[in-house]
Amino acid sequence: MKKTIFLFAIIFSLFSCSKDDEATPVTYQEENPLIGYLTNGGINGAIIDVVDGTTSEVGNEFTPLVKGKIKAFVVSLPQSNANLRVTLWDATTKTVIRTEYVNVVTAATTTTKNIEPIELQKDKKYAITMNSDDWYYRDKSNGSLITYPITSGNIRFDSFGFTDTPGLIYPIYFSNDYYNGDLSFIFQQTE
């Protein structure tokens, strides 16, 4: 009798399993870390439009705190730019991972360019830069220095850097006095 009940239990469990019992895959929310970077970093001073300044490669070094992917580049400029170069870098080797050109049609509006997703590894240091002579200058309203790192969601911003050249050159100068942007990305955690 015990063998029959045991055999029946095994057969029942085999037939009762279905695809509905499998775990539902988790879909993580997309995030744009720029607002958290500015807010959490206290970068709340007056926003100054820089138009036709020195052409520079400007951006942030950052580290994902989880594995994920970049799905789009996001930018806002005080002047239109039909061919804004945006680059994602491996910050350790200072090599280009991907460069895209963004058509910023209208000044002072947010432009998002969807891209083929780029996988990012947890705790690996990257940089995102744009090459422009137009940007927004921001600092802290109390005049104090910006303290890095700054965490926004699943992204830790490690520094702000620039190179004053039109060439595709990794930033060589770093500052905690101000931030030049606005440049960001859409990130989505994958696991």
C-alpha atoms as a PDB file:
ATOM      1  CA  MET A   1       0.000   0.000   0.000  1.00  0.00           C
ATOM      2  CA  LYS A   2       2.816   2.450   0.876  1.00  0.00           C
ATOM      3  CA  LYS A   3       4.487   1.684  -2.455  1.00  0.00           C
ATOM      4  CA  THR A   4       1.244   2.383  -4.312  1.00  0.00           C
ATOM      5  CA  ILE A   5       0.713   5.712  -2.541  1.00  0.00           C
ATOM      6  CA  PHE A   6       4.367   6.670  -3.133  1.00  0.00           C
ATOM      7  CA  LEU A   7       4.127   5.701  -6.834  1.00  0.00           C
ATOM      8  CA  PHE A   8       0.848   7.633  -7.160  1.00  0.00           C
ATOM      9  CA  ALA A   9       2.470  10.710  -5.546  1.00  0.00           C
ATOM     10  CA  ILE A  10       5.377  10.586  -8.010  1.00  0.00           C
ATOM     11  CA  ILE A  11       3.101  10.208 -11.020  1.00  0.00           C
ATOM     12  CA  PHE A  12       0.808  12.993  -9.771  1.00  0.00           C
ATOM     13  CA  SER A  13       3.763  15.350  -9.268  1.00  0.00           C
ATOM     14  CA  LEU A  14       5.073  14.646 -12.772  1.00  0.00           C
ATOM     15  CA  PHE A  15       1.723  15.419 -14.392  1.00  0.00           C
ATOM     16  CA  SER A  16       0.925  18.409 -12.204  1.00  0.00           C
ATOM     17  CA  CYS A  17       4.042  20.342 -13.270  1.00  0.00           C
ATOM     18  CA  SER A  18       3.390  22.779 -16.072  1.00  0.00           C
ATOM     19  CA  LYS A  19       4.978  25.794 -17.675  1.00  0.00           C
ATOM     20  CA  ASP A  20       2.710  27.945 -15.511  1.00  0.00           C
ATOM     21  CA  ASP A  21       4.691  26.755 -12.479  1.00  0.00           C
ATOM     22  CA  GLU A  22       7.964  28.108 -13.871  1.00  0.00           C
ATOM     23  CA  ALA A  23       9.270  31.329 -12.391  1.00  0.00           C
ATOM     24  CA  THR A  24       8.164  34.436 -14.236  1.00  0.00           C
ATOM     25  CA  PRO A  25      11.221  36.221 -15.620  1.00  0.00           C
ATOM     26  CA  VAL A  26      11.967  39.480 -13.850  1.00  0.00           C
ATOM     27  CA  THR A  27      11.913  42.622 -15.968  1.00  0.00           C
ATOM     28  CA  TYR A  28      13.739  45.464 -14.302  1.00  0.00           C
ATOM     29  CA  GLN A  29      12.698  49.075 -14.708  1.00  0.00           C
ATOM     30  CA  GLU A  30      14.722  51.334 -16.984  1.00  0.00           C
ATOM     31  CA  GLU A  31      16.545  54.188 -15.290  1.00  0.00           C
ATOM     32  CA  ASN A  32      18.151  57.446 -16.370  1.00  0.00           C
ATOM     33  CA  PRO A  33      20.688  58.234 -13.618  1.00  0.00           C
ATOM     34  CA  LEU A  34      21.261  61.931 -14.483  1.00  0.00           C
ATOM     35  CA  ILE A  35      18.632  63.456 -12.172  1.00  0.00           C
ATOM     36  CA  GLY A  36      19.825  61.333  -9.229  1.00  0.00           C
ATOM     37  CA  TYR A  37      23.425  62.307  -9.993  1.00  0.00           C
ATOM     38  CA  LEU A  38      22.591  66.025  -9.913  1.00  0.00           C
ATOM     39  CA  THR A  39      20.310  65.743  -6.872  1.00  0.00           C
ATOM     40  CA  ASN A  40      22.431  63.359  -4.786  1.00  0.00           C
ATOM     41  CA  GLY A  41      25.586  65.286  -5.665  1.00  0.00           C
ATOM     42  CA  GLY A  42      24.033  68.583  -4.579  1.00  0.00           C
ATOM     43  CA  ILE A  43      24.723  69.986  -8.048  1.00  0.00           C
ATOM     44  CA  ASN A  44      21.988  72.580  -7.694  1.00  0.00           C
ATOM     45  CA  GLY A  45      23.544  75.915  -8.640  1.00  0.00           C
ATOM     46  CA  ALA A  46      22.493  78.150 -11.480  1.00  0.00           C
ATOM     47  CA  ILE A  47      22.497  76.470 -14.874  1.00  0.00           C
ATOM     48  CA  ILE A  48      24.633  78.406 -17.329  1.00  0.00           C
ATOM     49  CA  ASP A  49      24.219  77.853 -21.069  1.00  0.00           C
ATOM     50  CA  VAL A  50      27.620  77.551 -22.732  1.00  0.00           C
ATOM     51  CA  VAL A  51      27.233  78.097 -26.490  1.00  0.00           C
ATOM     52  CA  ASP A  52      30.148  77.986 -28.907  1.00  0.00           C
ATOM     53  CA  GLY A  53      32.706  77.484 -26.154  1.00  0.00           C
ATOM     54  CA  THR A  54      35.850  75.392 -26.518  1.00  0.00           C
ATOM     55  CA  THR A  55      35.135  72.081 -28.239  1.00  0.00           C
ATOM     56  CA  SER A  56      35.672  69.463 -25.556  1.00  0.00           C
ATOM     57  CA  GLU A  57      35.182  65.782 -24.828  1.00  0.00           C
ATOM     58  CA  VAL A  58      33.193  65.957 -21.565  1.00  0.00           C
ATOM     59  CA  GLY A  59      31.503  63.331 -19.420  1.00  0.00           C
ATOM     60  CA  ASN A  60      31.486  61.066 -16.416  1.00  0.00           C
ATOM     61  CA  GLU A  61      33.279  57.958 -15.282  1.00  0.00           C
ATOM     62  CA  PHE A  62      30.762  55.568 -13.723  1.00  0.00           C
ATOM     63  CA  THR A  63      30.395  52.052 -12.347  1.00  0.00           C
ATOM     64  CA  PRO A  64      27.255  49.892 -12.613  1.00  0.00           C
ATOM     65  CA  LEU A  65      26.380  48.349  -9.242  1.00  0.00           C
ATOM     66  CA  VAL A  66      24.507  45.525 -11.023  1.00  0.00           C
ATOM     67  CA  LYS A  67      24.845  43.756 -14.357  1.00  0.00           C
ATOM     68  CA  GLY A  68      22.792  45.527 -17.002  1.00  0.00           C
ATOM     69  CA  LYS A  69      22.665  47.186 -20.375  1.00  0.00           C
ATOM     70  CA  ILE A  70      22.578  50.649 -21.883  1.00  0.00           C
ATOM     71  CA  LYS A  71      19.622  50.948 -24.247  1.00  0.00           C
ATOM     72  CA  ALA A  72      19.841  54.616 -25.265  1.00  0.00           C
ATOM     73  CA  PHE A  73      21.923  57.762 -25.009  1.00  0.00           C
ATOM     74  CA  VAL A  74      20.191  60.882 -23.641  1.00  0.00           C
ATOM     75  CA  VAL A  75      21.373  64.457 -24.096  1.00  0.00           C
ATOM     76  CA  SER A  76      20.209  68.041 -23.769  1.00  0.00           C
ATOM     77  CA  LEU A  77      22.126  71.010 -25.172  1.00  0.00           C
ATOM     78  CA  PRO A  78      21.578  74.773 -25.202  1.00  0.00           C
ATOM     79  CA  GLN A  79      21.970  74.738 -29.002  1.00  0.00           C
ATOM     80  CA  SER A  80      20.978  72.270 -31.723  1.00  0.00           C
ATOM     81  CA  ASN A  81      23.631  69.907 -33.068  1.00  0.00           C
ATOM     82  CA  ALA A  82      22.909  67.574 -35.980  1.00  0.00           C
ATOM     83  CA  ASN A  83      25.974  65.413 -35.352  1.00  0.00           C
ATOM     84  CA  LEU A  84      26.756  65.211 -31.624  1.00  0.00           C
ATOM     85  CA  ARG A  85      29.301  62.473 -30.969  1.00  0.00           C
ATOM     86  CA  VAL A  86      28.574  60.377 -27.853  1.00  0.00           C
ATOM     87  CA  THR A  87      31.042  57.686 -26.782  1.00  0.00           C
ATOM     88  CA  LEU A  88      30.989  54.887 -24.232  1.00  0.00           C
ATOM     89  CA  TRP A  89      34.472  53.943 -22.990  1.00  0.00           C
ATOM     90  CA  ASP A  90      36.137  51.196 -20.997  1.00  0.00           C
ATOM     91  CA  ALA A  91      37.566  53.485 -18.315  1.00  0.00           C
ATOM     92  CA  THR A  92      40.287  51.044 -17.265  1.00  0.00           C
ATOM     93  CA  THR A  93      41.847  50.661 -20.720  1.00  0.00           C
ATOM     94  CA  LYS A  94      40.586  54.036 -22.011  1.00  0.00           C
ATOM     95  CA  THR A  95      39.359  52.349 -25.183  1.00  0.00           C
ATOM     96  CA  VAL A  96      36.158  53.041 -27.101  1.00  0.00           C
ATOM     97  CA  ILE A  97      33.326  50.547 -26.673  1.00  0.00           C
ATOM     98  CA  ARG A  98      30.825  52.363 -28.889  1.00  0.00           C
ATOM     99  CA  THR A  99      30.396  55.747 -30.551  1.00  0.00           C
ATOM    100  CA  GLU A 100      27.027  57.023 -31.767  1.00  0.00           C
ATOM    101  CA  TYR A 101      25.982  60.288 -33.369  1.00  0.00           C
ATOM    102  CA  VAL A 102      22.927  61.988 -31.921  1.00  0.00           C
ATOM    103  CA  ASN A 103      20.851  64.520 -33.848  1.00  0.00           C
ATOM    104  CA  VAL A 104      19.880  67.191 -31.324  1.00  0.00           C
ATOM    105  CA  VAL A 105      17.218  68.956 -33.393  1.00  0.00           C
ATOM    106  CA  THR A 106      15.883  71.365 -30.783  1.00  0.00           C
ATOM    107  CA  ALA A 107      17.900  73.248 -28.188  1.00  0.00           C
ATOM    108  CA  ALA A 108      16.982  72.938 -24.501  1.00  0.00           C
ATOM    109  CA  THR A 109      14.989  69.745 -24.967  1.00  0.00           C
ATOM    110  CA  THR A 110      15.902  66.178 -24.104  1.00  0.00           C
ATOM    111  CA  THR A 111      16.936  64.030 -27.063  1.00  0.00           C
ATOM    112  CA  THR A 112      17.028  60.254 -26.684  1.00  0.00           C
ATOM    113  CA  LYS A 113      18.740  58.002 -29.218  1.00  0.00           C
ATOM    114  CA  ASN A 114      17.865  54.323 -28.901  1.00  0.00           C
ATOM    115  CA  ILE A 115      20.849  52.102 -29.631  1.00  0.00           C
ATOM    116  CA  GLU A 116      21.632  48.431 -29.979  1.00  0.00           C
ATOM    117  CA  PRO A 117      21.961  47.476 -26.283  1.00  0.00           C
ATOM    118  CA  ILE A 118      25.439  47.486 -24.760  1.00  0.00           C
ATOM    119  CA  GLU A 119      26.028  44.973 -21.961  1.00  0.00           C
ATOM    120  CA  LEU A 120      27.683  46.389 -18.839  1.00  0.00           C
ATOM    121  CA  GLN A 121      29.357  44.324 -16.154  1.00  0.00           C
ATOM    122  CA  LYS A 122      28.761  44.878 -12.460  1.00  0.00           C
ATOM    123  CA  ASP A 123      31.574  46.797 -10.711  1.00  0.00           C
ATOM    124  CA  LYS A 124      33.445  47.535 -13.979  1.00  0.00           C
ATOM    125  CA  LYS A 125      34.379  51.166 -14.575  1.00  0.00           C
ATOM    126  CA  TYR A 126      33.089  52.886 -17.733  1.00  0.00           C
ATOM    127  CA  ALA A 127      32.894  56.453 -19.031  1.00  0.00           C
ATOM    128  CA  ILE A 128      30.375  58.254 -21.202  1.00  0.00           C
ATOM    129  CA  THR A 129      31.437  61.416 -23.047  1.00  0.00           C
ATOM    130  CA  MET A 130      30.177  63.804 -25.684  1.00  0.00           C
ATOM    131  CA  ASN A 131      32.216  66.054 -27.963  1.00  0.00           C
ATOM    132  CA  SER A 132      30.681  69.495 -28.198  1.00  0.00           C
ATOM    133  CA  ASP A 133      31.251  73.203 -27.888  1.00  0.00           C
ATOM    134  CA  ASP A 134      27.797  73.581 -26.295  1.00  0.00           C
ATOM    135  CA  TRP A 135      26.767  72.303 -22.876  1.00  0.00           C
ATOM    136  CA  TYR A 136      25.158  73.237 -19.569  1.00  0.00           C
ATOM    137  CA  TYR A 137      27.524  74.322 -16.813  1.00  0.00           C
ATOM    138  CA  ARG A 138      26.366  73.357 -13.317  1.00  0.00           C
ATOM    139  CA  ASP A 139      27.891  73.611  -9.857  1.00  0.00           C
ATOM    140  CA  LYS A 140      26.805  73.612  -6.217  1.00  0.00           C
ATOM    141  CA  SER A 141      24.871  76.676  -5.100  1.00  0.00           C
ATOM    142  CA  ASN A 142      26.939  76.998  -1.913  1.00  0.00           C
ATOM    143  CA  GLY A 143      30.224  76.978  -3.860  1.00  0.00           C
ATOM    144  CA  SER A 144      31.518  73.814  -2.209  1.00  0.00           C
ATOM    145  CA  LEU A 145      33.192  70.962  -4.069  1.00  0.00           C
ATOM    146  CA  ILE A 146      31.246  68.052  -5.528  1.00  0.00           C
ATOM    147  CA  THR A 147      32.011  64.927  -3.515  1.00  0.00           C
ATOM    148  CA  TYR A 148      32.471  61.696  -5.498  1.00  0.00           C
ATOM    149  CA  PRO A 149      31.359  58.978  -5.726  1.00  0.00           C
ATOM    150  CA  ILE A 150      27.677  59.866  -6.236  1.00  0.00           C
ATOM    151  CA  THR A 151      25.165  57.021  -6.412  1.00  0.00           C
ATOM    152  CA  SER A 152      22.000  57.258  -8.480  1.00  0.00           C
ATOM    153  CA  GLY A 153      19.937  54.071  -8.563  1.00  0.00           C
ATOM    154  CA  ASN A 154      22.166  51.269  -9.841  1.00  0.00           C
ATOM    155  CA  ILE A 155      24.890  53.612 -11.136  1.00  0.00           C
ATOM    156  CA  ARG A 156      27.778  55.077  -9.140  1.00  0.00           C
ATOM    157  CA  PHE A 157      29.329  58.182 -10.702  1.00  0.00           C
ATOM    158  CA  ASP A 158      33.052  58.207  -9.933  1.00  0.00           C
ATOM    159  CA  SER A 159      34.182  61.495 -11.499  1.00  0.00           C
ATOM    160  CA  PHE A 160      33.581  64.217 -14.078  1.00  0.00           C
ATOM    161  CA  GLY A 161      36.276  64.740 -16.691  1.00  0.00           C
ATOM    162  CA  PHE A 162      37.080  66.554 -19.918  1.00  0.00           C
ATOM    163  CA  THR A 163      39.647  67.054 -22.640  1.00  0.00           C
ATOM    164  CA  ASP A 164      39.627  70.366 -24.509  1.00  0.00           C
ATOM    165  CA  THR A 165      39.958  69.002 -28.027  1.00  0.00           C
ATOM    166  CA  PRO A 166      37.697  68.139 -30.942  1.00  0.00           C
ATOM    167  CA  GLY A 167      39.409  64.733 -31.205  1.00  0.00           C
ATOM    168  CA  LEU A 168      38.123  61.497 -29.744  1.00  0.00           C
ATOM    169  CA  ILE A 169      40.411  61.524 -26.707  1.00  0.00           C
ATOM    170  CA  TYR A 170      39.654  60.118 -23.266  1.00  0.00           C
ATOM    171  CA  PRO A 171      39.279  62.873 -20.634  1.00  0.00           C
ATOM    172  CA  ILE A 172      42.593  63.857 -19.084  1.00  0.00           C
ATOM    173  CA  TYR A 173      41.386  66.592 -16.718  1.00  0.00           C
ATOM    174  CA  PHE A 174      39.044  65.895 -13.809  1.00  0.00           C
ATOM    175  CA  SER A 175      37.145  68.426 -11.737  1.00  0.00           C
ATOM    176  CA  ASN A 176      34.946  68.401  -8.671  1.00  0.00           C
ATOM    177  CA  ASP A 177      34.237  72.163  -8.951  1.00  0.00           C
ATOM    178  CA  TYR A 178      31.501  71.781 -11.599  1.00  0.00           C
ATOM    179  CA  TYR A 179      29.757  69.505 -14.093  1.00  0.00           C
ATOM    180  CA  ASN A 180      29.348  70.138 -17.846  1.00  0.00           C
ATOM    181  CA  GLY A 181      26.516  68.265 -19.582  1.00  0.00           C
ATOM    182  CA  ASP A 182      23.706  67.214 -19.821  1.00  0.00           C
ATOM    183  CA  LEU A 183      24.629  63.731 -20.972  1.00  0.00           C
ATOM    184  CA  SER A 184      23.195  60.476 -19.727  1.00  0.00           C
ATOM    185  CA  PHE A 185      21.877  57.076 -20.762  1.00  0.00           C
ATOM    186  CA  ILE A 186      19.023  54.662 -20.237  1.00  0.00           C
ATOM    187  CA  PHE A 187      20.199  51.730 -18.123  1.00  0.00           C
ATOM    188  CA  GLN A 188      18.329  48.513 -17.390  1.00  0.00           C
ATOM    189  CA  GLN A 189      19.438  45.893 -14.906  1.00  0.00           C
ATOM    190  CA  THR A 190      19.528  42.379 -16.379  1.00  0.00           C
ATOM    191  CA  GLU A 191      20.200  40.236 -13.313  1.00  0.00           C
END
